[in-house]
Amino acid sequence: MNGIYARYNEQKNYVDVTVYEAGYVLGLDCGKWEDGIKTTMNSQGRLDALAIDDPLEYVRLALDEEMQVWVDAMDDDSLW
């Protein structure tokens, strides 16, 4: 099986990423990735929901260093 699979590990507050073709599992600590990110209660809730509902997108935002931009967009009322 080729591909990448991600799931949220609620016991550790990690996103576990499995890379099948390379044969390894990577655990990313959500607390460390979010350290230094400026959030409101609203954007923190949405960020938590993203890690749970779409962990692969959460990892992409973290690795591409776009998490703060995404959080700011969630708090921008002009978008809604």
C-alpha atoms as a PDB file:
ATOM      1  CA  MET A   1       0.000   0.000   0.000  1.00  0.00           C
ATOM      2  CA  ASN A   2       1.422   3.364  -1.009  1.00  0.00           C
ATOM      3  CA  GLY A   3       0.557   6.657   0.527  1.00  0.00           C
ATOM      4  CA  ILE A   4       0.427   8.640   3.705  1.00  0.00           C
ATOM      5  CA  TYR A   5      -2.088   8.217   6.504  1.00  0.00           C
ATOM      6  CA  ALA A   6      -2.539  10.503   9.516  1.00  0.00           C
ATOM      7  CA  ARG A   7      -4.647  10.200  12.646  1.00  0.00           C
ATOM      8  CA  TYR A   8      -4.975  12.192  15.841  1.00  0.00           C
ATOM      9  CA  ASN A   9      -3.776  10.404  18.992  1.00  0.00           C
ATOM     10  CA  GLU A  10      -5.843  11.923  21.805  1.00  0.00           C
ATOM     11  CA  GLN A  11      -3.896  10.145  24.554  1.00  0.00           C
ATOM     12  CA  LYS A  12      -0.657  11.914  23.629  1.00  0.00           C
ATOM     13  CA  ASN A  13      -2.030  15.002  21.816  1.00  0.00           C
ATOM     14  CA  TYR A  14      -0.005  13.895  18.789  1.00  0.00           C
ATOM     15  CA  VAL A  15      -0.773  13.449  15.138  1.00  0.00           C
ATOM     16  CA  ASP A  16       0.634  10.080  14.066  1.00  0.00           C
ATOM     17  CA  VAL A  17       1.664  10.060  10.405  1.00  0.00           C
ATOM     18  CA  THR A  18       2.288   6.730   8.679  1.00  0.00           C
ATOM     19  CA  VAL A  19       4.331   6.810   5.477  1.00  0.00           C
ATOM     20  CA  TYR A  20       3.747   3.404   3.913  1.00  0.00           C
ATOM     21  CA  GLU A  21       6.318   3.482   1.111  1.00  0.00           C
ATOM     22  CA  ALA A  22       9.104   4.529   3.497  1.00  0.00           C
ATOM     23  CA  GLY A  23       7.883   2.184   6.221  1.00  0.00           C
ATOM     24  CA  TYR A  24       7.833   4.507   9.204  1.00  0.00           C
ATOM     25  CA  VAL A  25       5.478   6.245  11.616  1.00  0.00           C
ATOM     26  CA  LEU A  26       6.137   9.807  12.719  1.00  0.00           C
ATOM     27  CA  GLY A  27       4.526  11.308  15.822  1.00  0.00           C
ATOM     28  CA  LEU A  28       4.093  15.083  15.794  1.00  0.00           C
ATOM     29  CA  ASP A  29       3.417  16.765  19.154  1.00  0.00           C
ATOM     30  CA  CYS A  30       0.554  19.225  18.630  1.00  0.00           C
ATOM     31  CA  GLY A  31       1.507  21.218  21.730  1.00  0.00           C
ATOM     32  CA  LYS A  32       5.004  21.884  20.423  1.00  0.00           C
ATOM     33  CA  TRP A  33       3.762  22.781  16.928  1.00  0.00           C
ATOM     34  CA  GLU A  34       1.256  25.231  18.403  1.00  0.00           C
ATOM     35  CA  ASP A  35       3.772  26.802  20.795  1.00  0.00           C
ATOM     36  CA  GLY A  36       4.135  30.449  19.808  1.00  0.00           C
ATOM     37  CA  ILE A  37       0.987  30.494  17.672  1.00  0.00           C
ATOM     38  CA  LYS A  38      -1.281  33.387  18.682  1.00  0.00           C
ATOM     39  CA  THR A  39      -4.847  32.130  18.935  1.00  0.00           C
ATOM     40  CA  THR A  40      -8.212  33.208  20.269  1.00  0.00           C
ATOM     41  CA  MET A  41     -10.695  30.824  21.864  1.00  0.00           C
ATOM     42  CA  ASN A  42     -12.406  30.551  18.473  1.00  0.00           C
ATOM     43  CA  SER A  43      -9.289  29.804  16.438  1.00  0.00           C
ATOM     44  CA  GLN A  44      -7.903  27.418  19.086  1.00  0.00           C
ATOM     45  CA  GLY A  45     -11.118  25.427  18.934  1.00  0.00           C
ATOM     46  CA  ARG A  46     -10.939  25.304  15.147  1.00  0.00           C
ATOM     47  CA  LEU A  47      -7.276  24.291  15.278  1.00  0.00           C
ATOM     48  CA  ASP A  48      -8.114  21.475  17.705  1.00  0.00           C
ATOM     49  CA  ALA A  49     -10.967  20.360  15.438  1.00  0.00           C
ATOM     50  CA  LEU A  50      -8.632  20.402  12.425  1.00  0.00           C
ATOM     51  CA  ALA A  51      -6.132  18.119  14.182  1.00  0.00           C
ATOM     52  CA  ILE A  52      -8.935  15.679  15.005  1.00  0.00           C
ATOM     53  CA  ASP A  53     -11.004  15.868  11.803  1.00  0.00           C
ATOM     54  CA  ASP A  54      -8.296  16.430   9.171  1.00  0.00           C
ATOM     55  CA  PRO A  55      -4.922  15.537  10.715  1.00  0.00           C
ATOM     56  CA  LEU A  56      -3.114  15.413   7.376  1.00  0.00           C
ATOM     57  CA  GLU A  57      -4.061  19.041   6.666  1.00  0.00           C
ATOM     58  CA  TYR A  58      -2.961  19.967  10.198  1.00  0.00           C
ATOM     59  CA  VAL A  59       0.446  18.399   9.544  1.00  0.00           C
ATOM     60  CA  ARG A  60       0.718  20.141   6.164  1.00  0.00           C
ATOM     61  CA  LEU A  61       0.050  23.528   7.785  1.00  0.00           C
ATOM     62  CA  ALA A  62       2.613  22.830  10.509  1.00  0.00           C
ATOM     63  CA  LEU A  63       5.364  21.618   8.173  1.00  0.00           C
ATOM     64  CA  ASP A  64       4.775  24.415   5.657  1.00  0.00           C
ATOM     65  CA  GLU A  65       4.827  26.944   8.529  1.00  0.00           C
ATOM     66  CA  GLU A  66       1.382  28.205   7.507  1.00  0.00           C
ATOM     67  CA  MET A  67      -0.391  27.499  10.781  1.00  0.00           C
ATOM     68  CA  GLN A  68      -0.373  31.133  11.982  1.00  0.00           C
ATOM     69  CA  VAL A  69      -1.766  32.305   8.631  1.00  0.00           C
ATOM     70  CA  TRP A  70      -4.555  29.719   8.862  1.00  0.00           C
ATOM     71  CA  VAL A  71      -5.342  30.705  12.470  1.00  0.00           C
ATOM     72  CA  ASP A  72      -5.459  34.392  11.519  1.00  0.00           C
ATOM     73  CA  ALA A  73      -7.857  33.577   8.677  1.00  0.00           C
ATOM     74  CA  MET A  74     -10.135  31.726  11.115  1.00  0.00           C
ATOM     75  CA  ASP A  75     -10.310  34.875  13.266  1.00  0.00           C
ATOM     76  CA  ASP A  76     -10.909  37.255  10.354  1.00  0.00           C
ATOM     77  CA  ASP A  77     -14.607  38.141  10.486  1.00  0.00           C
ATOM     78  CA  SER A  78     -14.503  39.710   7.035  1.00  0.00           C
ATOM     79  CA  LEU A  79     -14.229  36.251   5.470  1.00  0.00           C
ATOM     80  CA  TRP A  80     -17.573  35.169   6.875  1.00  0.00           C
END
